[in-house]
Amino acid sequence: MIACGAAAAFRDVLGGLKGGQRFAGGPNLEGEGWVPNITQKGLAKWSAKDIEYLLETGELPKGDSVGGNMRDVVRNTSQLPSGDRAAMAAYLKSLPPVEGPRPPPK
């Protein structure tokens, strides 16, 4: 989950994690796209089963699929025992909601 915290965190002008913004999303560190908020602010409507399924298949609840570096994450998490994915989902569901930065308009 450390990698998720680093990717899904808003950064200051020097690239450091902004205090209190861990897991709250922000610009993709690779320079293209946006990393979503994975606190309860962003995942409130997701069940733990939704998160487990995403970690196993890469499919989002509304039928889309993950992209970018998250495909590599899913390639790895899909090989974990289901109990490990369940523990990861439970951890994400336990995070308090954090208001993160808003993605730029498309």
Protein backbone atom coordinates (compact mmCIF):
# COMPACT_ATOMS: atom_id res chain seq x y z
CA MET A 1 0.00 0.00 0.00
CA ILE A 2 3.00 2.29 0.27
CA ALA A 3 3.16 2.49 -3.51
CA CYS A 4 -0.54 3.42 -3.60
CA GLY A 5 0.06 6.11 -1.00
CA ALA A 6 2.89 7.58 -3.04
CA ALA A 7 0.97 7.49 -6.31
CA ALA A 8 -2.36 8.66 -4.89
CA ALA A 9 -1.03 11.68 -3.02
CA PHE A 10 -0.99 15.35 -3.85
CA ARG A 11 2.55 16.72 -3.96
CA ASP A 12 4.07 20.07 -3.17
CA VAL A 13 6.20 22.05 -5.64
CA LEU A 14 9.29 20.04 -4.66
CA GLY A 15 7.54 16.70 -5.19
CA GLY A 16 7.12 15.89 -1.52
CA LEU A 17 3.90 14.42 -0.14
CA LYS A 18 1.58 17.13 1.15
CA GLY A 19 0.70 16.57 4.79
CA GLY A 20 -2.73 15.03 5.26
CA GLN A 21 -3.12 14.30 1.54
CA ARG A 22 -1.93 10.71 1.50
CA PHE A 23 -4.19 8.58 -0.75
CA ALA A 24 -6.16 11.72 -1.80
CA GLY A 25 -5.15 11.62 -5.47
CA GLY A 26 -3.45 14.14 -7.70
CA PRO A 27 -1.50 14.49 -10.92
CA ASN A 28 0.09 11.29 -12.20
CA LEU A 29 3.81 11.32 -11.39
CA GLU A 30 4.52 10.19 -14.95
CA GLY A 31 3.21 13.53 -16.17
CA GLU A 32 0.04 12.39 -17.89
CA GLY A 33 -3.38 11.78 -16.38
CA TRP A 34 -4.78 11.88 -12.88
CA VAL A 35 -4.54 9.44 -9.97
CA PRO A 36 -7.93 9.13 -8.22
CA ASN A 37 -8.66 9.71 -4.57
CA ILE A 38 -8.69 6.29 -2.86
CA THR A 39 -9.84 7.48 0.58
CA GLN A 40 -13.51 7.23 1.47
CA LYS A 41 -13.97 10.55 -0.30
CA GLY A 42 -13.33 8.74 -3.58
CA LEU A 43 -14.34 5.17 -2.70
CA ALA A 44 -17.42 5.74 -0.54
CA LYS A 45 -19.72 4.06 -3.08
CA TRP A 46 -17.35 1.12 -3.58
CA SER A 47 -17.81 -2.03 -1.53
CA ALA A 48 -14.83 -4.01 -0.27
CA LYS A 49 -15.84 -6.67 -2.83
CA ASP A 50 -15.63 -4.05 -5.61
CA ILE A 51 -12.07 -3.22 -4.56
CA GLU A 52 -11.11 -6.90 -4.30
CA TYR A 53 -12.50 -7.50 -7.79
CA LEU A 54 -10.55 -4.54 -9.17
CA LEU A 55 -7.34 -5.87 -7.60
CA GLU A 56 -7.99 -9.26 -9.16
CA THR A 57 -9.22 -8.28 -12.63
CA GLY A 58 -8.49 -4.60 -13.22
CA GLU A 59 -12.18 -3.98 -13.92
CA LEU A 60 -13.97 -1.01 -12.37
CA PRO A 61 -17.54 -1.36 -11.05
CA LYS A 62 -19.03 0.57 -13.98
CA GLY A 63 -17.37 -1.59 -16.64
CA ASP A 64 -14.22 0.41 -17.42
CA SER A 65 -10.76 -0.93 -16.66
CA VAL A 66 -7.62 0.46 -15.05
CA GLY A 67 -4.87 2.01 -17.12
CA GLY A 68 -1.32 3.21 -16.78
CA ASN A 69 0.78 1.87 -13.94
CA MET A 70 -2.30 0.42 -12.29
CA ARG A 71 -2.28 -2.36 -14.90
CA ASP A 72 1.11 -3.44 -13.50
CA VAL A 73 -0.29 -3.30 -9.98
CA VAL A 74 -3.22 -5.53 -10.98
CA ARG A 75 -0.89 -7.94 -12.76
CA ASN A 76 0.74 -8.46 -9.35
CA THR A 77 -2.29 -8.26 -7.04
CA SER A 78 -4.17 -10.74 -9.23
CA GLN A 79 -1.58 -13.35 -8.23
CA LEU A 80 -2.08 -12.82 -4.49
CA PRO A 81 -4.28 -15.11 -2.42
CA SER A 82 -7.84 -13.77 -2.21
CA GLY A 83 -7.39 -13.17 1.52
CA ASP A 84 -4.57 -10.72 0.80
CA ARG A 85 -6.75 -8.77 -1.65
CA ALA A 86 -9.53 -8.79 0.95
CA ALA A 87 -7.13 -7.35 3.53
CA MET A 88 -6.04 -4.62 1.10
CA ALA A 89 -9.68 -3.76 0.39
CA ALA A 90 -10.50 -3.65 4.11
CA TYR A 91 -7.56 -1.30 4.66
CA LEU A 92 -8.67 1.05 1.88
CA LYS A 93 -12.24 1.04 3.22
CA SER A 94 -10.86 1.98 6.66
CA LEU A 95 -9.20 5.17 5.42
CA PRO A 96 -11.00 8.33 6.50
CA PRO A 97 -12.29 10.61 3.75
CA VAL A 98 -9.73 13.20 2.65
CA GLU A 99 -10.60 16.05 0.33
CA GLY A 100 -7.96 15.98 -2.38
CA PRO A 101 -7.23 18.28 -5.26
CA ARG A 102 -9.70 18.39 -8.11
CA PRO A 103 -8.62 17.08 -11.50
CA PRO A 104 -8.22 19.78 -14.13
CA PRO A 105 -11.17 20.19 -16.51
CA LYS A 106 -10.99 18.06 -19.64
